[in-house]
Protein backbone atom coordinates (compact mmCIF):
# COMPACT_ATOMS: atom_id res chain seq x y z
CA MET A 1 37.59 -19.86 -24.21
CA LYS A 2 41.14 -19.61 -24.92
CA ASN A 3 43.38 -16.56 -24.62
CA VAL A 4 44.67 -16.20 -28.05
CA LEU A 5 44.97 -12.42 -28.35
CA ASP A 6 48.18 -10.22 -28.20
CA ARG A 7 47.41 -7.88 -25.33
CA SER A 8 49.69 -5.13 -26.65
CA HIS A 9 47.75 -4.89 -29.94
CA ASN A 10 44.31 -5.29 -28.30
CA ARG A 11 43.54 -2.69 -25.71
CA VAL A 12 39.90 -2.16 -24.93
CA VAL A 13 38.74 0.80 -23.30
CA ILE A 14 35.26 0.76 -21.76
CA ILE A 15 33.43 3.79 -20.61
CA GLY A 16 30.76 2.91 -18.01
CA GLY A 17 30.57 -0.11 -15.63
CA GLY A 18 26.95 -0.93 -15.86
CA PRO A 19 25.64 -4.26 -17.35
CA GLY A 20 26.74 -3.33 -20.77
CA GLY A 21 30.15 -2.41 -19.49
CA TYR A 22 31.21 -4.80 -16.96
CA GLU A 23 29.94 -7.88 -19.04
CA ALA A 24 31.84 -6.73 -22.03
CA ALA A 25 34.88 -6.33 -19.98
CA LEU A 26 34.74 -9.88 -18.65
CA ILE A 27 34.37 -11.21 -22.16
CA GLY A 28 37.24 -8.99 -23.49
CA ALA A 29 39.44 -10.28 -20.54
CA GLN A 30 38.47 -14.01 -21.29
CA LEU A 31 39.47 -13.59 -24.81
CA GLY A 32 42.81 -12.13 -23.82
CA ALA A 33 42.49 -8.32 -24.59
CA ASP A 34 44.05 -5.72 -22.24
CA VAL A 35 40.72 -4.32 -20.77
CA MET A 36 40.47 -0.80 -19.00
CA LEU A 37 36.94 0.03 -17.70
CA ILE A 38 36.39 3.48 -16.49
CA GLU A 39 33.32 4.03 -13.98
CA ARG A 40 32.69 7.45 -12.28
CA ASP A 41 30.76 5.90 -9.41
CA ARG A 42 30.77 2.11 -8.67
CA CYS A 43 30.74 -1.04 -10.94
CA GLY A 44 27.37 -2.12 -11.69
CA GLY A 45 26.03 1.40 -12.81
CA SER A 46 22.55 2.59 -12.05
CA ALA A 47 21.14 -0.79 -12.93
CA VAL A 48 22.77 -2.09 -9.62
CA LEU A 49 23.02 1.15 -7.38
CA THR A 50 19.79 2.93 -8.24
CA ASP A 51 17.48 1.12 -10.55
CA VAL A 52 17.08 -2.71 -11.24
CA VAL A 53 18.48 -4.09 -8.14
CA PRO A 54 16.86 -1.64 -5.58
CA SER A 55 13.59 -1.55 -7.34
CA LYS A 56 13.18 -5.12 -7.75
CA SER A 57 14.27 -5.61 -4.06
CA LEU A 58 11.55 -3.16 -3.05
CA ILE A 59 9.01 -5.06 -5.07
CA ALA A 60 10.10 -8.33 -3.51
CA THR A 61 9.66 -6.77 -0.01
CA ALA A 62 6.08 -5.65 -1.08
CA GLU A 63 5.33 -9.11 -2.46
CA VAL A 64 6.32 -10.81 0.95
CA MET A 65 3.92 -8.14 2.76
CA GLY A 66 1.15 -8.94 0.45
CA THR A 67 1.52 -12.65 0.96
CA ILE A 68 1.25 -12.05 4.86
CA HIS A 69 -1.67 -9.97 4.36
CA ASP A 70 -3.39 -12.61 2.32
CA ALA A 71 -2.58 -15.30 4.93
CA GLY A 72 -6.15 -15.59 6.11
CA THR A 73 -7.30 -16.95 2.85
CA PHE A 74 -5.11 -19.98 3.40
CA GLY A 75 -6.65 -20.38 7.03
CA LEU A 76 -3.63 -18.94 8.57
CA ARG A 77 -3.92 -16.53 11.74
CA VAL A 78 -1.27 -14.22 13.02
CA ARG A 79 -0.81 -14.87 16.83
CA GLY A 80 -0.99 -11.84 18.99
CA GLY A 81 -4.44 -10.33 18.33
CA GLU A 82 -7.04 -9.60 15.81
CA SER A 83 -5.05 -6.68 14.13
CA GLU A 84 -6.40 -5.85 10.66
CA THR A 85 -2.90 -5.19 9.82
CA PRO A 86 -0.71 -8.12 10.94
CA VAL A 87 2.48 -6.45 9.53
CA VAL A 88 3.49 -2.89 9.01
CA PRO A 89 6.43 -1.69 6.81
CA ASP A 90 9.62 -0.11 8.47
CA LEU A 91 10.67 2.01 5.44
CA ALA A 92 13.92 2.89 7.01
CA ALA A 93 14.92 -0.64 7.61
CA MET A 94 13.65 -1.69 4.19
CA ASN A 95 15.80 0.95 2.51
CA GLU A 96 18.86 0.13 4.39
CA ARG A 97 18.55 -3.43 3.47
CA ILE A 98 17.81 -2.65 -0.01
CA LEU A 99 20.85 -0.35 -0.58
CA GLY A 100 22.87 -2.96 1.40
CA LEU A 101 22.00 -5.51 -1.42
CA ALA A 102 22.95 -2.98 -4.18
CA ASP A 103 26.29 -2.29 -2.27
CA ALA A 104 27.05 -6.05 -1.96
CA GLN A 105 26.28 -6.45 -5.65
CA ALA A 106 28.52 -3.50 -6.70
CA ASP A 107 31.39 -5.02 -4.65
CA ASP A 108 30.88 -8.48 -6.25
CA ILE A 109 31.02 -7.20 -9.69
CA HIS A 110 34.28 -5.26 -8.99
CA SER A 111 35.91 -8.19 -7.51
CA GLY A 112 34.98 -10.22 -10.35
CA LEU A 113 36.38 -7.88 -12.79
CA VAL A 114 39.52 -7.49 -10.87
CA ARG A 115 39.92 -11.20 -10.70
CA ALA A 116 39.48 -11.63 -14.35
CA GLY A 117 42.29 -9.11 -15.11
CA VAL A 118 40.34 -6.05 -15.86
CA LYS A 119 41.70 -2.68 -14.91
CA VAL A 120 39.08 -0.73 -13.09
CA ILE A 121 39.64 3.04 -12.98
CA LYS A 122 37.21 5.35 -11.11
CA GLY A 123 36.84 8.48 -12.81
CA THR A 124 35.22 9.98 -16.07
CA ALA A 125 36.22 9.39 -19.56
CA THR A 126 35.91 11.50 -22.77
CA LEU A 127 36.54 10.35 -26.51
CA VAL A 128 39.37 12.41 -28.05
CA ASP A 129 39.03 10.49 -31.30
CA ARG A 130 38.24 6.91 -32.49
CA SER A 131 41.40 5.45 -30.70
CA THR A 132 42.11 7.94 -27.85
CA VAL A 133 40.27 8.26 -24.71
CA HIS A 134 40.76 11.09 -22.19
CA VAL A 135 40.65 9.94 -18.53
CA ALA A 136 40.15 12.25 -15.39
CA GLU A 137 40.70 9.97 -12.29
CA ALA A 138 38.60 10.85 -9.15
CA GLY A 139 41.88 11.65 -7.43
CA GLY A 140 42.69 14.34 -9.94
CA THR A 141 45.16 12.59 -12.45
CA GLU A 142 44.53 12.97 -16.04
CA TYR A 143 45.98 11.14 -19.05
CA ASP A 144 45.09 9.74 -22.55
CA LEU A 145 44.59 6.14 -23.23
CA SER A 146 45.25 4.59 -26.61
CA ALA A 147 42.68 2.11 -27.73
CA ASP A 148 42.31 -0.37 -30.43
CA THR A 149 38.53 -0.77 -29.33
CA VAL A 150 36.43 1.53 -27.39
CA LEU A 151 32.96 0.64 -25.88
CA VAL A 152 30.69 3.46 -24.88
CA SER A 153 28.37 2.25 -22.08
CA SER A 154 27.45 5.23 -20.41
CA GLY A 155 23.81 4.60 -19.21
CA ALA A 156 21.08 7.07 -18.93
CA HIS A 157 19.50 9.27 -16.20
CA PRO A 158 15.83 10.03 -15.07
CA ARG A 159 14.19 12.62 -17.27
CA GLU A 160 13.15 15.91 -15.54
CA LEU A 161 10.18 18.19 -16.52
CA PRO A 162 11.01 21.95 -15.86
CA THR A 163 7.58 22.32 -13.97
CA ALA A 164 8.23 19.29 -11.75
CA ILE A 165 12.13 19.22 -10.57
CA PRO A 166 12.67 16.64 -7.82
CA ASP A 167 13.84 17.91 -4.49
CA GLY A 168 14.67 14.56 -3.00
CA GLU A 169 12.30 15.07 -0.33
CA ARG A 170 8.67 15.23 -1.58
CA ILE A 171 9.23 15.46 -5.31
CA LEU A 172 11.18 12.52 -6.38
CA SER A 173 12.81 10.56 -9.17
CA TRP A 174 13.03 6.90 -8.84
CA THR A 175 16.76 7.08 -7.75
CA GLN A 176 15.75 9.14 -4.77
CA LEU A 177 13.03 6.78 -3.26
CA TYR A 178 15.55 4.93 -0.98
CA ALA A 179 16.35 7.93 0.99
CA LEU A 180 12.81 7.97 2.45
CA ASP A 181 12.52 6.73 6.12
CA GLU A 182 8.69 6.86 6.36
CA LEU A 183 6.26 5.31 4.04
CA PRO A 184 4.31 8.04 1.87
CA PRO A 185 0.79 8.42 3.19
CA HIS A 186 -0.23 9.31 -0.23
CA LEU A 187 2.04 8.83 -3.36
CA VAL A 188 1.26 10.44 -6.54
CA VAL A 189 3.10 8.57 -9.58
CA VAL A 190 3.39 10.40 -12.64
CA GLY A 191 3.96 8.12 -15.71
CA SER A 192 2.34 4.69 -16.09
CA GLY A 193 4.94 3.00 -18.23
CA VAL A 194 6.97 0.30 -16.70
CA THR A 195 8.81 2.30 -14.10
CA GLY A 196 5.73 4.01 -12.80
CA ALA A 197 3.45 1.13 -12.84
CA GLU A 198 6.02 -1.08 -10.85
CA PHE A 199 6.48 1.52 -8.04
CA ALA A 200 2.65 2.24 -7.89
CA SER A 201 2.13 -1.42 -7.63
CA ALA A 202 4.83 -1.79 -4.91
CA TYR A 203 3.72 1.20 -2.69
CA CYS A 204 0.15 0.14 -2.89
CA ALA A 205 1.08 -3.19 -1.64
CA LEU A 206 3.11 -1.69 1.11
CA GLY A 207 -0.06 0.34 2.27
CA SER A 208 0.37 3.72 0.76
CA GLU A 209 -2.57 5.48 -0.84
CA VAL A 210 -1.55 5.58 -4.57
CA THR A 211 -2.67 7.89 -7.44
CA LEU A 212 -1.34 6.80 -10.66
CA VAL A 213 -1.45 9.59 -13.43
CA SER A 214 -1.42 8.22 -16.85
CA SER A 215 -1.58 10.30 -19.93
CA ARG A 216 -2.57 7.28 -21.98
CA GLU A 217 -5.98 5.46 -22.10
CA ARG A 218 -4.52 2.63 -20.12
CA VAL A 219 -1.60 1.84 -18.09
CA LEU A 220 1.38 0.14 -19.56
CA PRO A 221 0.41 1.27 -23.17
CA GLY A 222 3.42 -0.50 -24.46
CA GLU A 223 2.51 -4.00 -23.17
CA ASP A 224 0.05 -6.63 -24.49
CA GLU A 225 -3.43 -4.91 -24.33
CA ASP A 226 -5.04 -7.88 -22.55
CA ALA A 227 -2.09 -8.12 -19.99
CA ALA A 228 -2.32 -4.41 -19.36
CA GLU A 229 -6.07 -4.48 -18.88
CA VAL A 230 -5.54 -7.29 -16.07
CA VAL A 231 -3.00 -5.36 -14.18
CA GLU A 232 -5.16 -2.15 -14.23
CA GLU A 233 -8.24 -4.03 -13.10
CA VAL A 234 -5.92 -5.29 -10.26
CA PHE A 235 -4.78 -2.05 -9.41
CA ARG A 236 -8.07 -0.52 -9.14
CA SER A 237 -9.46 -3.43 -7.11
CA ARG A 238 -6.71 -2.93 -4.55
CA GLY A 239 -7.61 0.77 -4.01
CA MET A 240 -5.38 2.43 -6.48
CA ASN A 241 -6.79 5.72 -8.00
CA VAL A 242 -5.81 5.44 -11.75
CA LEU A 243 -6.37 8.60 -13.63
CA SER A 244 -6.36 7.76 -17.30
CA ARG A 245 -6.05 10.27 -20.10
CA SER A 246 -4.65 12.71 -17.47
CA ARG A 247 -1.47 14.52 -18.00
CA ALA A 248 0.48 16.31 -15.24
CA ASP A 249 1.33 19.97 -16.11
CA SER A 250 3.29 20.72 -12.98
CA VAL A 251 4.29 19.33 -9.48
CA GLU A 252 4.80 21.90 -6.62
CA ARG A 253 6.09 21.54 -2.99
CA ASP A 254 3.43 22.61 -0.45
CA GLY A 255 4.72 22.48 3.01
CA ASP A 256 4.90 18.82 3.92
CA GLY A 257 3.07 17.81 0.76
CA VAL A 258 2.81 18.34 -3.05
CA VAL A 259 0.23 19.94 -5.39
CA VAL A 260 0.08 17.88 -8.81
CA THR A 261 -1.91 20.05 -11.38
CA LEU A 262 -3.28 18.16 -14.27
CA ALA A 263 -3.58 19.73 -17.67
CA ASP A 264 -7.47 19.94 -17.44
CA GLY A 265 -7.15 22.04 -14.30
CA ARG A 266 -7.66 19.35 -11.70
CA ILE A 267 -5.55 19.36 -8.57
CA VAL A 268 -4.38 16.32 -6.65
CA ARG A 269 -2.87 17.00 -3.20
CA ALA A 270 -0.64 14.22 -1.78
CA SER A 271 2.38 13.76 0.51
CA HIS A 272 5.00 12.74 -2.19
CA CYS A 273 5.21 12.63 -5.80
CA LEU A 274 7.27 10.12 -7.83
CA MET A 275 8.14 11.33 -11.42
CA ALA A 276 8.49 8.34 -13.85
CA VAL A 277 8.46 10.21 -17.24
CA GLY A 278 11.41 8.37 -19.11
CA SER A 279 15.24 8.55 -19.15
CA ILE A 280 17.67 10.73 -21.07
CA PRO A 281 20.97 9.04 -22.37
CA ASN A 282 24.30 10.19 -20.69
CA THR A 283 25.85 11.26 -24.15
CA ASP A 284 26.35 14.94 -23.64
CA GLY A 285 29.94 15.90 -22.95
CA ILE A 286 31.87 12.78 -23.61
CA GLY A 287 33.14 13.38 -26.93
CA LEU A 288 30.80 11.67 -29.31
CA GLU A 289 30.72 14.71 -31.77
CA GLU A 290 34.31 15.05 -31.60
CA ALA A 291 35.05 11.56 -32.47
CA GLY A 292 32.33 11.65 -35.13
CA VAL A 293 29.85 9.22 -33.57
CA ALA A 294 26.39 9.37 -35.05
CA VAL A 295 23.56 10.17 -32.45
CA GLN A 296 19.90 10.38 -32.84
CA GLU A 297 18.02 13.73 -32.05
CA SER A 298 17.15 12.22 -28.67
CA GLY A 299 20.89 11.93 -27.87
CA HIS A 300 20.86 7.98 -28.20
CA ILE A 301 23.74 6.52 -30.11
CA VAL A 302 23.14 4.72 -33.26
CA VAL A 303 24.34 1.19 -33.30
CA ASP A 304 23.83 -1.85 -35.54
CA GLY A 305 23.10 -5.46 -34.64
CA VAL A 306 26.68 -6.17 -33.44
CA SER A 307 26.89 -2.79 -31.47
CA ARG A 308 28.92 -0.96 -33.95
CA THR A 309 28.61 2.86 -34.13
CA SER A 310 29.12 4.97 -37.17
CA VAL A 311 32.94 5.07 -36.39
CA PRO A 312 35.06 1.89 -36.97
CA GLY A 313 36.44 0.48 -33.69
CA VAL A 314 33.93 2.35 -31.43
CA TYR A 315 30.98 0.43 -30.16
CA ALA A 316 28.13 1.20 -27.74
CA SER A 317 25.77 -0.65 -25.55
CA GLY A 318 22.97 -0.20 -22.97
CA ASP A 319 20.78 2.61 -22.36
CA CYS A 320 22.72 5.19 -24.11
CA THR A 321 21.75 3.35 -27.35
CA ALA A 322 18.42 3.40 -28.96
CA VAL A 323 17.93 -0.17 -28.30
CA LEU A 324 15.49 -1.69 -25.73
CA PRO A 325 16.30 -0.21 -22.13
CA LEU A 326 16.72 -3.63 -20.42
CA ALA A 327 19.66 -4.66 -18.36
CA SER A 328 19.66 -8.14 -20.12
CA VAL A 329 19.92 -6.34 -23.58
CA ALA A 330 22.77 -3.97 -22.45
CA ALA A 331 24.80 -6.92 -21.22
CA MET A 332 24.11 -8.88 -24.42
CA GLN A 333 24.99 -5.84 -26.60
CA GLY A 334 28.38 -5.50 -24.66
CA ARG A 335 29.18 -9.04 -25.13
CA ILE A 336 28.51 -9.05 -28.96
CA ALA A 337 30.69 -6.04 -29.17
CA MET A 338 33.49 -7.75 -27.79
CA PHE A 339 32.94 -11.00 -29.72
CA HIS A 340 32.92 -8.87 -32.92
CA ALA A 341 35.77 -6.48 -31.95
CA LEU A 342 38.16 -9.35 -31.01
CA GLY A 343 37.37 -11.55 -33.93
CA ASP A 344 35.38 -14.36 -32.07
CA ALA A 345 32.20 -16.03 -33.37
CA VAL A 346 29.36 -13.66 -33.15
CA PHE A 347 25.46 -13.56 -33.60
CA PRO A 348 23.70 -10.17 -34.11
CA LEU A 349 21.38 -9.32 -31.61
CA ARG A 350 17.68 -10.31 -32.34
CA LEU A 351 15.28 -8.13 -30.68
CA ARG A 352 12.33 -10.51 -31.45
CA ASN A 353 14.08 -13.05 -29.12
CA VAL A 354 14.32 -10.76 -26.06
CA ALA A 355 12.21 -11.62 -23.10
CA SER A 356 11.09 -8.79 -21.05
CA ASN A 357 9.01 -8.41 -17.68
CA VAL A 358 7.20 -5.88 -15.83
CA PHE A 359 7.41 -6.32 -12.11
CA THR A 360 3.89 -5.39 -11.22
CA ALA A 361 1.61 -7.65 -9.09
CA PRO A 362 0.86 -9.49 -11.08
CA GLU A 363 3.77 -9.59 -13.30
CA ILE A 364 3.81 -9.20 -17.18
CA ALA A 365 6.37 -11.19 -19.26
CA THR A 366 6.65 -11.28 -22.89
CA VAL A 367 8.83 -12.48 -25.76
CA GLY A 368 8.88 -12.49 -29.33
CA LEU A 369 6.16 -11.05 -31.82
CA SER A 370 3.10 -9.23 -30.23
CA GLN A 371 -0.49 -9.36 -30.94
CA ALA A 372 -0.18 -5.88 -32.14
CA ASP A 373 2.42 -7.16 -34.74
CA PHE A 374 -0.16 -9.40 -36.20
CA GLN A 375 -2.97 -7.13 -36.87
CA GLU A 376 -2.56 -6.62 -40.64
CA ASN A 377 -1.92 -10.42 -41.11
CA ALA A 378 -4.23 -11.86 -38.47
CA TYR A 379 -4.91 -14.91 -40.64
CA GLU A 380 -1.45 -16.18 -40.72
CA VAL A 381 -1.28 -16.42 -36.97
CA GLU A 382 -3.06 -18.59 -34.36
CA THR A 383 -3.66 -17.63 -30.69
CA VAL A 384 -4.59 -19.14 -27.52
CA THR A 385 -5.38 -17.80 -24.09
CA GLN A 386 -5.23 -20.05 -21.12
CA PRO A 387 -6.41 -18.61 -17.83
CA LEU A 388 -4.29 -19.55 -14.78
CA HIS A 389 -7.13 -19.85 -12.35
CA THR A 390 -8.07 -23.14 -13.89
CA ASN A 391 -4.57 -24.50 -13.07
CA ALA A 392 -4.42 -26.75 -9.88
CA ARG A 393 -1.28 -25.35 -8.59
CA ALA A 394 -2.66 -21.83 -8.95
CA LYS A 395 -5.63 -22.78 -6.96
CA MET A 396 -3.24 -24.11 -4.31
CA LEU A 397 -1.44 -20.65 -4.24
CA GLY A 398 -4.60 -18.55 -4.24
CA ILE A 399 -3.85 -17.11 -7.82
CA THR A 400 -6.98 -15.82 -9.35
CA GLU A 401 -5.74 -13.27 -12.10
CA GLY A 402 -3.46 -14.03 -14.78
CA PHE A 403 -3.18 -15.88 -18.12
CA VAL A 404 -0.80 -17.55 -20.65
CA LYS A 405 -1.00 -16.57 -24.25
CA ILE A 406 0.75 -18.29 -27.23
CA PHE A 407 1.05 -17.11 -30.81
CA CYS A 408 2.12 -19.62 -33.53
CA ARG A 409 2.22 -19.51 -37.36
CA ARG A 410 -0.80 -21.24 -38.90
CA GLY A 411 0.33 -24.42 -40.64
CA SER A 412 3.81 -25.04 -39.39
CA GLY A 413 2.84 -24.27 -35.82
CA SER A 414 6.18 -22.38 -35.03
CA VAL A 415 6.06 -20.47 -31.77
CA LEU A 416 6.27 -16.67 -32.72
CA GLY A 417 5.70 -15.23 -29.38
CA GLY A 418 3.91 -15.35 -25.92
CA VAL A 419 2.67 -13.36 -22.92
CA VAL A 420 2.59 -14.69 -19.25
CA VAL A 421 0.31 -12.70 -16.61
CA GLY A 422 0.80 -13.81 -13.12
CA PRO A 423 3.04 -14.37 -10.22
CA ARG A 424 6.65 -15.18 -11.24
CA ALA A 425 5.74 -14.58 -14.90
CA SER A 426 9.56 -13.69 -15.36
CA ASP A 427 10.36 -17.31 -14.56
CA LEU A 428 7.48 -18.80 -16.45
CA ILE A 429 8.40 -17.04 -19.80
CA LEU A 430 11.58 -19.10 -20.10
CA PRO A 431 10.05 -21.98 -21.88
CA ILE A 432 8.17 -19.82 -24.47
CA THR A 433 11.51 -17.73 -24.89
CA MET A 434 13.45 -21.13 -25.64
CA ALA A 435 10.76 -22.02 -28.28
CA VAL A 436 10.87 -18.71 -29.99
CA GLU A 437 14.77 -18.73 -30.12
CA ASN A 438 14.99 -22.44 -31.15
CA ARG A 439 11.96 -22.15 -33.66
CA LEU A 440 10.19 -24.97 -32.00
CA THR A 441 6.61 -25.72 -32.83
CA VAL A 442 3.61 -25.77 -30.37
CA ASP A 443 3.58 -29.50 -30.71
CA GLN A 444 7.12 -29.65 -29.46
CA LEU A 445 6.35 -27.45 -26.58
CA ALA A 446 3.17 -29.56 -25.83
CA ARG A 447 5.13 -32.81 -25.83
CA SER A 448 7.49 -31.53 -23.07
CA PHE A 449 7.00 -33.15 -19.65
CA VAL A 450 5.89 -30.78 -17.01
CA VAL A 451 5.43 -31.34 -13.27
CA TYR A 452 1.99 -31.71 -11.82
CA PRO A 453 0.77 -29.63 -10.10
CA SER A 454 2.81 -26.48 -11.51
CA LEU A 455 2.00 -23.26 -13.29
CA THR A 456 3.96 -24.43 -16.21
CA GLY A 457 1.23 -26.82 -16.92
CA SER A 458 -0.70 -23.96 -18.52
CA LEU A 459 2.19 -23.60 -20.96
CA THR A 460 1.73 -27.00 -22.42
CA GLU A 461 -2.04 -26.97 -21.89
CA ALA A 462 -2.24 -23.75 -24.22
CA ALA A 463 0.17 -25.53 -26.79
CA ARG A 464 -2.00 -28.46 -26.90
CA LYS A 465 -5.13 -26.23 -27.74
CA LEU A 466 -3.16 -24.79 -30.66
CA HIS A 467 -2.56 -28.21 -32.00
CA HIS A 468 -6.28 -28.98 -31.69
CA HIS A 469 -7.00 -25.92 -33.79
CA GLN A 470 -4.65 -27.00 -36.41
CA ALA A 471 -6.22 -30.54 -36.92
């Protein structure tokens, strides 16, 4: 990409240094704009400091522990005795490593921005109008910046219930878990969406007794029904207590523990409680109303496919918008905003092509249209589900749960979407994502060579079965 812009007439001011902000800043600088990024904490935002990087690092640690525990099924024995628990978690050491990884990632992002020519300002920012941003630096200096383009990428924070306010010790939000120095003996997780399910899965693998409080009929209500059913069955088989159709009314501190009161009067006593009941966008008090930027009743900023808000020249990206709350989507929104604002070629965001993953054990990865989308026109779509346990590589790895599911259009065979449930589903979903993005057919997918033995062989096997159905 060539710098062709006049910096003096292309100043970009970005509010927030998360994925939506720092990725936009890099593109803006690459295109030759004068880019200033204001971040109140550290570059990377909550995705790096308190959310994605730390949580997935914790999950990776739990995965390693699970592998060690299952070593006996591969004929491996741990030297030094017949202990039933060959490895125990040192939570303080784990969290020190996790936070160290987050710090290192934040430093790398900051260094990359500086090398690219972005001016990073530590402080807070407020919109004054469509082309003016007021900056209050951490050191106390305040001033106004004129901007040709403004991008708001202010993120979100954990939602709190008035009857269950986190105290950082026993009642916790997901940003506070990394201050613990001992594994919770009994952790109640309130909320069975992605965040709740991921942490419940991880702490169960680490050895905590886990009670998962789900207000819905099943865990992960927003995911593929078959996939969620597999995950819930695995949860229960590993000893997790899943309370379906149960709503938490309140959580109170009780000495060295907590008391969780459910709506039907039942009481759950535990050592700790994690509240995972959604997020609130960080849009209050940053001047959106004064600048005329439209927001939803929930506080989310309204944007279109190229990240424009209701005010010309003002864009928004990430969890402060009403689009999918994924770091990958935030980053793409930010990049698209810069391409559009600075006159480069731009392709609007297409949500049906977004791949997402739930980092439970097993993982759930999805892309494209879902089975629920086809209910009214089921005849137009063909579906095949290929279980993983029949795969040779899966047998070698001891994988007994999971499947690959592919949807295609009847007649043409165009791949419309897919689901992968199993270890490393986040990696296995890529071929289906590429098929959806590039409008490939199941026959084209089936003709692709895969390594034997490999888990990807189940993808092409599923595709071949769909060809057989069309014959």
